[in-house]
Amino acid sequence: MKRFWIWQRYATPTHQIGSYTITPVMRSVGLRWPNGGWLWQFPLAVEVAEEDGTQQQLPIADPTRSAVWFLYTLLLLFAVATLFALWSSRKRKRQGKKKG
């Protein structure tokens, strides 16, 4: 049986460009269910190897992913503020009934 949750890091096919060997590195995140699933793939870095044996890993900035996490954070803060306002409003109503 396949796993429900997908979280893997993998390197895609290597490319030889001049004296450099370039290997893109990706991340896959997703969910599987019997009739389908959801998968999100995004780049993490590029590994560069030179003929002399020197290797570097160059990270790839992903502004879309940063924007999505920022929006999730805003949504969470908005939800917490709304719940706090509702809780505070109910508390004031209860105190008003006790006094009146």
C-alpha atoms as a PDB file:
ATOM      1  CA  MET A   1       0.000   0.000   0.000  1.00  0.00           C
ATOM      2  CA  LYS A   2       1.301   3.442  -0.896  1.00  0.00           C
ATOM      3  CA  ARG A   3       1.842   6.081   1.748  1.00  0.00           C
ATOM      4  CA  PHE A   4      -0.873   8.696   2.252  1.00  0.00           C
ATOM      5  CA  TRP A   5       1.592  11.550   2.814  1.00  0.00           C
ATOM      6  CA  ILE A   6       4.309  12.416   0.256  1.00  0.00           C
ATOM      7  CA  TRP A   7       7.414  14.317   1.384  1.00  0.00           C
ATOM      8  CA  GLN A   8      10.524  13.660  -0.658  1.00  0.00           C
ATOM      9  CA  ARG A   9      13.616  15.460  -1.841  1.00  0.00           C
ATOM     10  CA  TYR A  10      15.184  14.265  -5.052  1.00  0.00           C
ATOM     11  CA  ALA A  11      17.633  15.235  -7.761  1.00  0.00           C
ATOM     12  CA  THR A  12      16.436  15.433 -11.339  1.00  0.00           C
ATOM     13  CA  PRO A  13      18.623  14.339 -14.302  1.00  0.00           C
ATOM     14  CA  THR A  14      22.105  15.833 -14.395  1.00  0.00           C
ATOM     15  CA  HIS A  15      23.217  18.139 -17.219  1.00  0.00           C
ATOM     16  CA  GLN A  16      26.781  18.567 -18.434  1.00  0.00           C
ATOM     17  CA  ILE A  17      27.508  22.172 -19.462  1.00  0.00           C
ATOM     18  CA  GLY A  18      31.120  22.772 -20.381  1.00  0.00           C
ATOM     19  CA  SER A  19      33.256  21.754 -17.417  1.00  0.00           C
ATOM     20  CA  TYR A  20      30.285  21.938 -15.028  1.00  0.00           C
ATOM     21  CA  THR A  21      27.877  19.206 -13.975  1.00  0.00           C
ATOM     22  CA  ILE A  22      24.522  20.739 -13.019  1.00  0.00           C
ATOM     23  CA  THR A  23      21.965  18.812 -10.941  1.00  0.00           C
ATOM     24  CA  PRO A  24      18.611  20.426 -10.040  1.00  0.00           C
ATOM     25  CA  VAL A  25      17.219  19.414  -6.623  1.00  0.00           C
ATOM     26  CA  MET A  26      13.444  19.324  -6.089  1.00  0.00           C
ATOM     27  CA  ARG A  27      10.988  18.795  -3.223  1.00  0.00           C
ATOM     28  CA  SER A  28       7.646  17.013  -3.616  1.00  0.00           C
ATOM     29  CA  VAL A  29       4.914  17.443  -1.026  1.00  0.00           C
ATOM     30  CA  GLY A  30       1.499  15.904  -1.398  1.00  0.00           C
ATOM     31  CA  LEU A  31      -1.363  13.688  -0.318  1.00  0.00           C
ATOM     32  CA  ARG A  32      -2.661  10.492  -1.897  1.00  0.00           C
ATOM     33  CA  TRP A  33      -6.103   8.975  -1.678  1.00  0.00           C
ATOM     34  CA  PRO A  34      -7.695   6.044  -3.549  1.00  0.00           C
ATOM     35  CA  ASN A  35      -9.000   7.964  -6.578  1.00  0.00           C
ATOM     36  CA  GLY A  36      -6.334  10.619  -6.926  1.00  0.00           C
ATOM     37  CA  GLY A  37      -4.237  12.975  -4.901  1.00  0.00           C
ATOM     38  CA  TRP A  38      -2.573  16.345  -4.661  1.00  0.00           C
ATOM     39  CA  LEU A  39       1.093  17.016  -5.376  1.00  0.00           C
ATOM     40  CA  TRP A  40       3.130  20.203  -5.098  1.00  0.00           C
ATOM     41  CA  GLN A  41       6.647  20.248  -6.541  1.00  0.00           C
ATOM     42  CA  PHE A  42       9.088  23.086  -6.180  1.00  0.00           C
ATOM     43  CA  PRO A  43      12.803  23.697  -6.723  1.00  0.00           C
ATOM     44  CA  LEU A  44      15.155  23.728  -3.737  1.00  0.00           C
ATOM     45  CA  ALA A  45      18.644  24.182  -5.135  1.00  0.00           C
ATOM     46  CA  VAL A  46      21.088  23.512  -7.939  1.00  0.00           C
ATOM     47  CA  GLU A  47      24.168  21.399  -7.243  1.00  0.00           C
ATOM     48  CA  VAL A  48      27.159  22.441  -9.341  1.00  0.00           C
ATOM     49  CA  ALA A  49      30.203  20.187  -9.634  1.00  0.00           C
ATOM     50  CA  GLU A  50      33.370  21.211 -11.458  1.00  0.00           C
ATOM     51  CA  GLU A  51      35.879  18.903 -13.108  1.00  0.00           C
ATOM     52  CA  ASP A  52      38.437  19.620 -10.350  1.00  0.00           C
ATOM     53  CA  GLY A  53      36.058  18.083  -7.762  1.00  0.00           C
ATOM     54  CA  THR A  54      34.747  21.349  -6.298  1.00  0.00           C
ATOM     55  CA  GLN A  55      31.043  21.183  -5.444  1.00  0.00           C
ATOM     56  CA  GLN A  56      28.573  23.909  -4.530  1.00  0.00           C
ATOM     57  CA  GLN A  57      24.910  23.904  -3.684  1.00  0.00           C
ATOM     58  CA  LEU A  58      23.159  27.077  -4.795  1.00  0.00           C
ATOM     59  CA  PRO A  59      19.744  27.565  -3.143  1.00  0.00           C
ATOM     60  CA  ILE A  60      16.827  28.740  -5.277  1.00  0.00           C
ATOM     61  CA  ALA A  61      14.706  31.497  -3.778  1.00  0.00           C
ATOM     62  CA  ASP A  62      11.007  30.809  -4.334  1.00  0.00           C
ATOM     63  CA  PRO A  63       8.999  34.039  -3.916  1.00  0.00           C
ATOM     64  CA  THR A  64       5.701  32.278  -4.613  1.00  0.00           C
ATOM     65  CA  ARG A  65       6.231  29.869  -1.719  1.00  0.00           C
ATOM     66  CA  SER A  66       7.210  32.775   0.544  1.00  0.00           C
ATOM     67  CA  ALA A  67       4.061  34.670  -0.471  1.00  0.00           C
ATOM     68  CA  VAL A  68       1.874  31.633   0.194  1.00  0.00           C
ATOM     69  CA  TRP A  69       3.349  31.147   3.681  1.00  0.00           C
ATOM     70  CA  PHE A  70       2.868  34.866   4.358  1.00  0.00           C
ATOM     71  CA  LEU A  71      -0.810  34.582   3.356  1.00  0.00           C
ATOM     72  CA  TYR A  72      -1.257  31.491   5.556  1.00  0.00           C
ATOM     73  CA  THR A  73       0.221  33.437   8.466  1.00  0.00           C
ATOM     74  CA  LEU A  74      -2.126  36.374   7.842  1.00  0.00           C
ATOM     75  CA  LEU A  75      -5.080  34.000   7.676  1.00  0.00           C
ATOM     76  CA  LEU A  76      -4.093  32.392  10.967  1.00  0.00           C
ATOM     77  CA  LEU A  77      -3.664  35.778  12.674  1.00  0.00           C
ATOM     78  CA  PHE A  78      -7.039  36.930  11.331  1.00  0.00           C
ATOM     79  CA  ALA A  79      -8.721  33.743  12.598  1.00  0.00           C
ATOM     80  CA  VAL A  80      -7.169  34.122  16.068  1.00  0.00           C
ATOM     81  CA  ALA A  81      -8.172  37.802  16.227  1.00  0.00           C
ATOM     82  CA  THR A  82     -11.745  36.930  15.178  1.00  0.00           C
ATOM     83  CA  LEU A  83     -12.026  34.166  17.776  1.00  0.00           C
ATOM     84  CA  PHE A  84     -10.651  36.481  20.451  1.00  0.00           C
ATOM     85  CA  ALA A  85     -13.150  39.208  19.476  1.00  0.00           C
ATOM     86  CA  LEU A  86     -16.049  36.731  19.617  1.00  0.00           C
ATOM     87  CA  TRP A  87     -14.902  35.382  22.979  1.00  0.00           C
ATOM     88  CA  SER A  88     -14.491  38.918  24.343  1.00  0.00           C
ATOM     89  CA  SER A  89     -17.936  39.939  23.068  1.00  0.00           C
ATOM     90  CA  ARG A  90     -19.625  36.929  24.688  1.00  0.00           C
ATOM     91  CA  LYS A  91     -17.824  37.608  27.938  1.00  0.00           C
ATOM     92  CA  ARG A  92     -19.074  41.228  27.978  1.00  0.00           C
ATOM     93  CA  LYS A  93     -22.651  40.090  27.254  1.00  0.00           C
ATOM     94  CA  ARG A  94     -22.540  37.629  30.164  1.00  0.00           C
ATOM     95  CA  GLN A  95     -21.205  40.317  32.512  1.00  0.00           C
ATOM     96  CA  GLY A  96     -23.927  42.725  31.314  1.00  0.00           C
ATOM     97  CA  LYS A  97     -26.681  40.182  32.067  1.00  0.00           C
ATOM     98  CA  LYS A  98     -25.341  39.600  35.600  1.00  0.00           C
ATOM     99  CA  LYS A  99     -25.359  43.345  36.388  1.00  0.00           C
ATOM    100  CA  GLY A 100     -28.731  44.092  34.762  1.00  0.00           C
END
